[in-house]
Amino acid sequence: MSVVAVSPEDFEPWPTRSAHPADQAQARRFEEILRLELDELEILAARTRGARAGHSEIRLRHDMQRINARINEVRGLLDALQARFSP
């Protein structure tokens, strides 16, 4: 095996060209789905915060951590889509 040195200038930053219209359409649909999921997760988070009566504090914290992790994941996906497909 041989190793060749390559300078960073040899690589073009991604993305270098506009996306195919079908990819843009798919990204818009995926964005819609992610936004709906984000709305549902935020509603679930609000309900979970309000459901303190009759539930252990540890369990509620654990549930909120999972919900917040998923919210952050969905927001990250939305950010990546917007970075890739925004004009």
PDB file of N, CA and C in Angstrom:
ATOM      1  N   MET A   1       0.849  -1.173   0.000  1.00  0.00           N
ATOM      2  CA  MET A   1       0.000   0.000   0.000  1.00  0.00           C
ATOM      3  C   MET A   1       0.888   1.227   0.000  1.00  0.00           C
ATOM      4  N   SER A   2       0.494   2.212  -0.805  1.00  0.00           N
ATOM      5  CA  SER A   2       1.254   3.450  -0.851  1.00  0.00           C
ATOM      6  C   SER A   2       0.390   4.595  -0.338  1.00  0.00           C
ATOM      7  N   VAL A   3       1.050   5.616   0.158  1.00  0.00           N
ATOM      8  CA  VAL A   3       0.372   6.781   0.698  1.00  0.00           C
ATOM      9  C   VAL A   3       0.780   7.982  -0.137  1.00  0.00           C
ATOM     10  N   VAL A   4      -0.193   8.770  -0.542  1.00  0.00           N
ATOM     11  CA  VAL A   4       0.066   9.955  -1.344  1.00  0.00           C
ATOM     12  C   VAL A   4      -0.437  11.165  -0.579  1.00  0.00           C
ATOM     13  N   ALA A   5       0.389  12.179  -0.488  1.00  0.00           N
ATOM     14  CA  ALA A   5      -0.023  13.410   0.187  1.00  0.00           C
ATOM     15  C   ALA A   5      -0.930  14.202  -0.748  1.00  0.00           C
ATOM     16  N   VAL A   6      -2.032  14.666  -0.202  1.00  0.00           N
ATOM     17  CA  VAL A   6      -2.986  15.449  -0.973  1.00  0.00           C
ATOM     18  C   VAL A   6      -3.259  16.726  -0.195  1.00  0.00           C
ATOM     19  N   SER A   7      -3.176  17.843  -0.882  1.00  0.00           N
ATOM     20  CA  SER A   7      -3.432  19.111  -0.199  1.00  0.00           C
ATOM     21  C   SER A   7      -4.934  19.372  -0.132  1.00  0.00           C
ATOM     22  N   PRO A   8      -5.371  20.138   0.859  1.00  0.00           N
ATOM     23  CA  PRO A   8      -6.802  20.452   0.976  1.00  0.00           C
ATOM     24  C   PRO A   8      -7.349  21.195  -0.236  1.00  0.00           C
ATOM     25  N   GLU A   9      -6.484  21.908  -0.971  1.00  0.00           N
ATOM     26  CA  GLU A   9      -6.934  22.643  -2.149  1.00  0.00           C
ATOM     27  C   GLU A   9      -7.386  21.704  -3.263  1.00  0.00           C
ATOM     28  N   ASP A  10      -6.967  20.434  -3.205  1.00  0.00           N
ATOM     29  CA  ASP A  10      -7.359  19.463  -4.224  1.00  0.00           C
ATOM     30  C   ASP A  10      -8.826  19.060  -4.109  1.00  0.00           C
ATOM     31  N   PHE A  11      -9.441  19.390  -2.988  1.00  0.00           N
ATOM     32  CA  PHE A  11     -10.842  19.023  -2.761  1.00  0.00           C
ATOM     33  C   PHE A  11     -11.713  20.250  -2.820  1.00  0.00           C
ATOM     34  N   GLU A  12     -12.845  20.108  -3.468  1.00  0.00           N
ATOM     35  CA  GLU A  12     -13.816  21.197  -3.505  1.00  0.00           C
ATOM     36  C   GLU A  12     -14.757  21.026  -2.322  1.00  0.00           C
ATOM     37  N   PRO A  13     -15.188  22.123  -1.711  1.00  0.00           N
ATOM     38  CA  PRO A  13     -16.123  22.002  -0.592  1.00  0.00           C
ATOM     39  C   PRO A  13     -17.440  21.417  -1.062  1.00  0.00           C
ATOM     40  N   TRP A  14     -18.096  20.673  -0.194  1.00  0.00           N
ATOM     41  CA  TRP A  14     -19.383  20.059  -0.515  1.00  0.00           C
ATOM     42  C   TRP A  14     -20.481  20.965  -0.010  1.00  0.00           C
ATOM     43  N   PRO A  15     -21.535  21.202  -0.624  1.00  0.00           N
ATOM     44  CA  PRO A  15     -21.859  20.870  -2.007  1.00  0.00           C
ATOM     45  C   PRO A  15     -21.307  21.923  -2.970  1.00  0.00           C
ATOM     46  N   THR A  16     -20.903  21.492  -4.124  1.00  0.00           N
ATOM     47  CA  THR A  16     -20.322  22.406  -5.107  1.00  0.00           C
ATOM     48  C   THR A  16     -21.302  22.744  -6.215  1.00  0.00           C
ATOM     49  N   ARG A  17     -22.373  22.031  -6.330  1.00  0.00           N
ATOM     50  CA  ARG A  17     -23.331  22.293  -7.393  1.00  0.00           C
ATOM     51  C   ARG A  17     -24.743  22.278  -6.804  1.00  0.00           C
ATOM     52  N   SER A  18     -25.655  22.818  -7.545  1.00  0.00           N
ATOM     53  CA  SER A  18     -27.029  22.814  -7.052  1.00  0.00           C
ATOM     54  C   SER A  18     -27.584  21.393  -7.106  1.00  0.00           C
ATOM     55  N   ALA A  19     -28.512  21.144  -6.234  1.00  0.00           N
ATOM     56  CA  ALA A  19     -29.095  19.808  -6.135  1.00  0.00           C
ATOM     57  C   ALA A  19     -30.068  19.566  -7.289  1.00  0.00           C
ATOM     58  N   HIS A  20     -30.221  18.334  -7.626  1.00  0.00           N
ATOM     59  CA  HIS A  20     -31.174  17.913  -8.653  1.00  0.00           C
ATOM     60  C   HIS A  20     -32.585  18.251  -8.159  1.00  0.00           C
ATOM     61  N   PRO A  21     -33.476  18.672  -9.051  1.00  0.00           N
ATOM     62  CA  PRO A  21     -34.840  19.026  -8.635  1.00  0.00           C
ATOM     63  C   PRO A  21     -35.560  17.912  -7.862  1.00  0.00           C
ATOM     64  N   ALA A  22     -35.329  16.671  -8.238  1.00  0.00           N
ATOM     65  CA  ALA A  22     -35.970  15.564  -7.508  1.00  0.00           C
ATOM     66  C   ALA A  22     -35.431  15.477  -6.083  1.00  0.00           C
ATOM     67  N   ASP A  23     -34.129  15.728  -5.914  1.00  0.00           N
ATOM     68  CA  ASP A  23     -33.542  15.735  -4.571  1.00  0.00           C
ATOM     69  C   ASP A  23     -34.104  16.886  -3.747  1.00  0.00           C
ATOM     70  N   GLN A  24     -34.284  18.040  -4.390  1.00  0.00           N
ATOM     71  CA  GLN A  24     -34.864  19.187  -3.694  1.00  0.00           C
ATOM     72  C   GLN A  24     -36.298  18.902  -3.263  1.00  0.00           C
ATOM     73  N   ALA A  25     -37.062  18.275  -4.133  1.00  0.00           N
ATOM     74  CA  ALA A  25     -38.453  17.934  -3.795  1.00  0.00           C
ATOM     75  C   ALA A  25     -38.498  16.936  -2.641  1.00  0.00           C
ATOM     76  N   GLN A  26     -37.621  15.952  -2.692  1.00  0.00           N
ATOM     77  CA  GLN A  26     -37.568  14.960  -1.613  1.00  0.00           C
ATOM     78  C   GLN A  26     -37.142  15.630  -0.305  1.00  0.00           C
ATOM     79  N   ALA A  27     -36.207  16.549  -0.377  1.00  0.00           N
ATOM     80  CA  ALA A  27     -35.751  17.253   0.821  1.00  0.00           C
ATOM     81  C   ALA A  27     -36.884  18.094   1.416  1.00  0.00           C
ATOM     82  N   ARG A  28     -37.669  18.742   0.552  1.00  0.00           N
ATOM     83  CA  ARG A  28     -38.807  19.522   1.057  1.00  0.00           C
ATOM     84  C   ARG A  28     -39.810  18.630   1.772  1.00  0.00           C
ATOM     85  N   ARG A  29     -40.085  17.472   1.194  1.00  0.00           N
ATOM     86  CA  ARG A  29     -41.028  16.536   1.828  1.00  0.00           C
ATOM     87  C   ARG A  29     -40.478  16.032   3.159  1.00  0.00           C
ATOM     88  N   PHE A  30     -39.187  15.702   3.182  1.00  0.00           N
ATOM     89  CA  PHE A  30     -38.558  15.241   4.411  1.00  0.00           C
ATOM     90  C   PHE A  30     -38.588  16.350   5.462  1.00  0.00           C
ATOM     91  N   GLU A  31     -38.400  17.589   5.030  1.00  0.00           N
ATOM     92  CA  GLU A  31     -38.462  18.712   5.956  1.00  0.00           C
ATOM     93  C   GLU A  31     -39.862  18.837   6.561  1.00  0.00           C
ATOM     94  N   GLU A  32     -40.890  18.667   5.736  1.00  0.00           N
ATOM     95  CA  GLU A  32     -42.270  18.699   6.242  1.00  0.00           C
ATOM     96  C   GLU A  32     -42.486  17.631   7.307  1.00  0.00           C
ATOM     97  N   ILE A  33     -42.009  16.428   7.025  1.00  0.00           N
ATOM     98  CA  ILE A  33     -42.152  15.315   7.974  1.00  0.00           C
ATOM     99  C   ILE A  33     -41.425  15.630   9.271  1.00  0.00           C
ATOM    100  N   LEU A  34     -40.209  16.152   9.154  1.00  0.00           N
ATOM    101  CA  LEU A  34     -39.427  16.484  10.353  1.00  0.00           C
ATOM    102  C   LEU A  34     -40.093  17.597  11.155  1.00  0.00           C
ATOM    103  N   ARG A  35     -40.658  18.582  10.482  1.00  0.00           N
ATOM    104  CA  ARG A  35     -41.339  19.662  11.206  1.00  0.00           C
ATOM    105  C   ARG A  35     -42.575  19.146  11.947  1.00  0.00           C
ATOM    106  N   LEU A  36     -43.313  18.239  11.318  1.00  0.00           N
ATOM    107  CA  LEU A  36     -44.454  17.626  12.004  1.00  0.00           C
ATOM    108  C   LEU A  36     -44.000  16.836  13.214  1.00  0.00           C
ATOM    109  N   GLU A  37     -42.907  16.093  13.057  1.00  0.00           N
ATOM    110  CA  GLU A  37     -42.377  15.330  14.189  1.00  0.00           C
ATOM    111  C   GLU A  37     -41.912  16.259  15.303  1.00  0.00           C
ATOM    112  N   LEU A  38     -41.272  17.358  14.932  1.00  0.00           N
ATOM    113  CA  LEU A  38     -40.821  18.321  15.931  1.00  0.00           C
ATOM    114  C   LEU A  38     -42.004  18.901  16.694  1.00  0.00           C
ATOM    115  N   ASP A  39     -43.073  19.233  15.984  1.00  0.00           N
ATOM    116  CA  ASP A  39     -44.282  19.742  16.643  1.00  0.00           C
ATOM    117  C   ASP A  39     -44.830  18.715  17.640  1.00  0.00           C
ATOM    118  N   GLU A  40     -44.900  17.465  17.210  1.00  0.00           N
ATOM    119  CA  GLU A  40     -45.414  16.409  18.091  1.00  0.00           C
ATOM    120  C   GLU A  40     -44.520  16.221  19.312  1.00  0.00           C
ATOM    121  N   LEU A  41     -43.211  16.274  19.108  1.00  0.00           N
ATOM    122  CA  LEU A  41     -42.280  16.117  20.224  1.00  0.00           C
ATOM    123  C   LEU A  41     -42.399  17.276  21.217  1.00  0.00           C
ATOM    124  N   GLU A  42     -42.585  18.482  20.702  1.00  0.00           N
ATOM    125  CA  GLU A  42     -42.733  19.630  21.599  1.00  0.00           C
ATOM    126  C   GLU A  42     -44.037  19.554  22.384  1.00  0.00           C
ATOM    127  N   ILE A  43     -45.094  19.050  21.767  1.00  0.00           N
ATOM    128  CA  ILE A  43     -46.353  18.832  22.484  1.00  0.00           C
ATOM    129  C   ILE A  43     -46.157  17.761  23.554  1.00  0.00           C
ATOM    130  N   LEU A  44     -45.480  16.680  23.184  1.00  0.00           N
ATOM    131  CA  LEU A  44     -45.209  15.615  24.146  1.00  0.00           C
ATOM    132  C   LEU A  44     -44.368  16.126  25.314  1.00  0.00           C
ATOM    133  N   ALA A  45     -43.381  16.970  25.016  1.00  0.00           N
ATOM    134  CA  ALA A  45     -42.546  17.535  26.079  1.00  0.00           C
ATOM    135  C   ALA A  45     -43.378  18.384  27.031  1.00  0.00           C
ATOM    136  N   ALA A  46     -44.281  19.190  26.485  1.00  0.00           N
ATOM    137  CA  ALA A  46     -45.142  20.031  27.323  1.00  0.00           C
ATOM    138  C   ALA A  46     -46.054  19.173  28.194  1.00  0.00           C
ATOM    139  N   ARG A  47     -46.613  18.116  27.613  1.00  0.00           N
ATOM    140  CA  ARG A  47     -47.470  17.211  28.394  1.00  0.00           C
ATOM    141  C   ARG A  47     -46.671  16.506  29.480  1.00  0.00           C
ATOM    142  N   THR A  48     -45.479  16.094  29.150  1.00  0.00           N
ATOM    143  CA  THR A  48     -44.642  15.380  30.119  1.00  0.00           C
ATOM    144  C   THR A  48     -44.268  16.303  31.273  1.00  0.00           C
ATOM    145  N   ARG A  49     -43.932  17.557  30.961  1.00  0.00           N
ATOM    146  CA  ARG A  49     -43.610  18.515  32.028  1.00  0.00           C
ATOM    147  C   ARG A  49     -44.823  18.736  32.932  1.00  0.00           C
ATOM    148  N   GLY A  50     -46.017  18.696  32.361  1.00  0.00           N
ATOM    149  CA  GLY A  50     -47.225  18.917  33.146  1.00  0.00           C
ATOM    150  C   GLY A  50     -47.731  17.691  33.868  1.00  0.00           C
ATOM    151  N   ALA A  51     -47.148  16.537  33.632  1.00  0.00           N
ATOM    152  CA  ALA A  51     -47.645  15.282  34.204  1.00  0.00           C
ATOM    153  C   ALA A  51     -46.914  14.894  35.482  1.00  0.00           C
ATOM    154  N   ARG A  52     -46.635  15.837  36.311  1.00  0.00           N
ATOM    155  CA  ARG A  52     -45.855  15.547  37.526  1.00  0.00           C
ATOM    156  C   ARG A  52     -46.652  14.750  38.563  1.00  0.00           C
ATOM    157  N   ALA A  53     -47.936  14.976  38.651  1.00  0.00           N
ATOM    158  CA  ALA A  53     -48.740  14.296  39.676  1.00  0.00           C
ATOM    159  C   ALA A  53     -48.780  12.799  39.411  1.00  0.00           C
ATOM    160  N   GLY A  54     -48.430  12.038  40.406  1.00  0.00           N
ATOM    161  CA  GLY A  54     -48.517  10.587  40.305  1.00  0.00           C
ATOM    162  C   GLY A  54     -47.339   9.920  39.611  1.00  0.00           C
ATOM    163  N   HIS A  55     -46.317  10.669  39.248  1.00  0.00           N
ATOM    164  CA  HIS A  55     -45.154  10.094  38.581  1.00  0.00           C
ATOM    165  C   HIS A  55     -43.887  10.436  39.359  1.00  0.00           C
ATOM    166  N   SER A  56     -42.937   9.553  39.314  1.00  0.00           N
ATOM    167  CA  SER A  56     -41.694   9.826  40.021  1.00  0.00           C
ATOM    168  C   SER A  56     -40.893  10.892  39.277  1.00  0.00           C
ATOM    169  N   GLU A  57     -40.216  11.719  40.032  1.00  0.00           N
ATOM    170  CA  GLU A  57     -39.402  12.791  39.459  1.00  0.00           C
ATOM    171  C   GLU A  57     -38.276  12.227  38.602  1.00  0.00           C
ATOM    172  N   ILE A  58     -37.719  11.117  39.020  1.00  0.00           N
ATOM    173  CA  ILE A  58     -36.635  10.487  38.260  1.00  0.00           C
ATOM    174  C   ILE A  58     -37.150  10.022  36.900  1.00  0.00           C
ATOM    175  N   ARG A  59     -38.306   9.411  36.891  1.00  0.00           N
ATOM    176  CA  ARG A  59     -38.885   8.936  35.640  1.00  0.00           C
ATOM    177  C   ARG A  59     -39.191  10.099  34.696  1.00  0.00           C
ATOM    178  N   LEU A  60     -39.742  11.185  35.251  1.00  0.00           N
ATOM    179  CA  LEU A  60     -40.048  12.350  34.425  1.00  0.00           C
ATOM    180  C   LEU A  60     -38.777  12.960  33.836  1.00  0.00           C
ATOM    181  N   ARG A  61     -37.720  13.043  34.643  1.00  0.00           N
ATOM    182  CA  ARG A  61     -36.451  13.571  34.124  1.00  0.00           C
ATOM    183  C   ARG A  61     -35.913  12.702  33.001  1.00  0.00           C
ATOM    184  N   HIS A  62     -35.996  11.402  33.206  1.00  0.00           N
ATOM    185  CA  HIS A  62     -35.515  10.463  32.183  1.00  0.00           C
ATOM    186  C   HIS A  62     -36.326  10.621  30.889  1.00  0.00           C
ATOM    187  N   ASP A  63     -37.639  10.710  31.023  1.00  0.00           N
ATOM    188  CA  ASP A  63     -38.498  10.905  29.847  1.00  0.00           C
ATOM    189  C   ASP A  63     -38.176  12.210  29.137  1.00  0.00           C
ATOM    190  N   MET A  64     -37.978  13.279  29.905  1.00  0.00           N
ATOM    191  CA  MET A  64     -37.651  14.574  29.302  1.00  0.00           C
ATOM    192  C   MET A  64     -36.292  14.542  28.612  1.00  0.00           C
ATOM    193  N   GLN A  65     -35.339  13.834  29.177  1.00  0.00           N
ATOM    194  CA  GLN A  65     -34.032  13.715  28.533  1.00  0.00           C
ATOM    195  C   GLN A  65     -34.156  13.021  27.178  1.00  0.00           C
ATOM    196  N   ARG A  66     -34.944  11.963  27.126  1.00  0.00           N
ATOM    197  CA  ARG A  66     -35.138  11.244  25.860  1.00  0.00           C
ATOM    198  C   ARG A  66     -35.855  12.126  24.836  1.00  0.00           C
ATOM    199  N   ILE A  67     -36.891  12.828  25.285  1.00  0.00           N
ATOM    200  CA  ILE A  67     -37.636  13.702  24.374  1.00  0.00           C
ATOM    201  C   ILE A  67     -36.731  14.829  23.874  1.00  0.00           C
ATOM    202  N   ASN A  68     -35.988  15.453  24.783  1.00  0.00           N
ATOM    203  CA  ASN A  68     -35.100  16.544  24.382  1.00  0.00           C
ATOM    204  C   ASN A  68     -34.000  16.063  23.450  1.00  0.00           C
ATOM    205  N   ALA A  69     -33.501  14.853  23.663  1.00  0.00           N
ATOM    206  CA  ALA A  69     -32.485  14.295  22.760  1.00  0.00           C
ATOM    207  C   ALA A  69     -33.066  14.120  21.362  1.00  0.00           C
ATOM    208  N   ARG A  70     -34.286  13.645  21.283  1.00  0.00           N
ATOM    209  CA  ARG A  70     -34.930  13.465  19.975  1.00  0.00           C
ATOM    210  C   ARG A  70     -35.225  14.820  19.320  1.00  0.00           C
ATOM    211  N   ILE A  71     -35.656  15.798  20.108  1.00  0.00           N
ATOM    212  CA  ILE A  71     -35.876  17.147  19.578  1.00  0.00           C
ATOM    213  C   ILE A  71     -34.580  17.693  18.992  1.00  0.00           C
ATOM    214  N   ASN A  72     -33.487  17.539  19.709  1.00  0.00           N
ATOM    215  CA  ASN A  72     -32.191  18.017  19.223  1.00  0.00           C
ATOM    216  C   ASN A  72     -31.777  17.287  17.954  1.00  0.00           C
ATOM    217  N   GLU A  73     -32.063  16.000  17.886  1.00  0.00           N
ATOM    218  CA  GLU A  73     -31.738  15.229  16.691  1.00  0.00           C
ATOM    219  C   GLU A  73     -32.528  15.729  15.482  1.00  0.00           C
ATOM    220  N   VAL A  74     -33.822  15.957  15.670  1.00  0.00           N
ATOM    221  CA  VAL A  74     -34.668  16.441  14.582  1.00  0.00           C
ATOM    222  C   VAL A  74     -34.220  17.832  14.150  1.00  0.00           C
ATOM    223  N   ARG A  75     -33.906  18.697  15.099  1.00  0.00           N
ATOM    224  CA  ARG A  75     -33.425  20.044  14.749  1.00  0.00           C
ATOM    225  C   ARG A  75     -32.107  19.966  13.977  1.00  0.00           C
ATOM    226  N   GLY A  76     -31.238  19.047  14.363  1.00  0.00           N
ATOM    227  CA  GLY A  76     -29.982  18.862  13.646  1.00  0.00           C
ATOM    228  C   GLY A  76     -30.211  18.411  12.210  1.00  0.00           C
ATOM    229  N   LEU A  77     -31.161  17.507  12.018  1.00  0.00           N
ATOM    230  CA  LEU A  77     -31.499  17.064  10.663  1.00  0.00           C
ATOM    231  C   LEU A  77     -32.069  18.203   9.833  1.00  0.00           C
ATOM    232  N   LEU A  78     -32.933  19.008  10.451  1.00  0.00           N
ATOM    233  CA  LEU A  78     -33.491  20.161   9.740  1.00  0.00           C
ATOM    234  C   LEU A  78     -32.397  21.151   9.364  1.00  0.00           C
ATOM    235  N   ASP A  79     -31.484  21.410  10.278  1.00  0.00           N
ATOM    236  CA  ASP A  79     -30.372  22.320   9.988  1.00  0.00           C
ATOM    237  C   ASP A  79     -29.525  21.797   8.832  1.00  0.00           C
ATOM    238  N   ALA A  80     -29.250  20.497   8.838  1.00  0.00           N
ATOM    239  CA  ALA A  80     -28.447  19.905   7.765  1.00  0.00           C
ATOM    240  C   ALA A  80     -29.167  20.000   6.424  1.00  0.00           C
ATOM    241  N   LEU A  81     -30.461  19.754   6.410  1.00  0.00           N
ATOM    242  CA  LEU A  81     -31.239  19.877   5.176  1.00  0.00           C
ATOM    243  C   LEU A  81     -31.212  21.310   4.653  1.00  0.00           C
ATOM    244  N   GLN A  82     -31.415  22.245   5.550  1.00  0.00           N
ATOM    245  CA  GLN A  82     -31.444  23.641   5.136  1.00  0.00           C
ATOM    246  C   GLN A  82     -30.069  24.087   4.636  1.00  0.00           C
ATOM    247  N   ALA A  83     -29.013  23.618   5.280  1.00  0.00           N
ATOM    248  CA  ALA A  83     -27.662  23.972   4.832  1.00  0.00           C
ATOM    249  C   ALA A  83     -27.379  23.399   3.455  1.00  0.00           C
ATOM    250  N   ARG A  84     -27.876  22.219   3.198  1.00  0.00           N
ATOM    251  CA  ARG A  84     -27.602  21.555   1.912  1.00  0.00           C
ATOM    252  C   ARG A  84     -28.493  22.072   0.786  1.00  0.00           C
ATOM    253  N   PHE A  85     -29.752  22.338   1.067  1.00  0.00           N
ATOM    254  CA  PHE A  85     -30.697  22.631  -0.002  1.00  0.00           C
ATOM    255  C   PHE A  85     -31.200  24.065  -0.044  1.00  0.00           C
ATOM    256  N   SER A  86     -30.725  24.929   0.828  1.00  0.00           N
ATOM    257  CA  SER A  86     -31.147  26.331   0.768  1.00  0.00           C
ATOM    258  C   SER A  86     -30.425  27.024  -0.385  1.00  0.00           C
ATOM    259  N   PRO A  87     -31.121  27.949  -1.035  1.00  0.00           N
ATOM    260  CA  PRO A  87     -30.479  28.673  -2.158  1.00  0.00           C
ATOM    261  C   PRO A  87     -29.413  29.624  -1.690  1.00  0.00           C
TER     262      PRO A  87
END
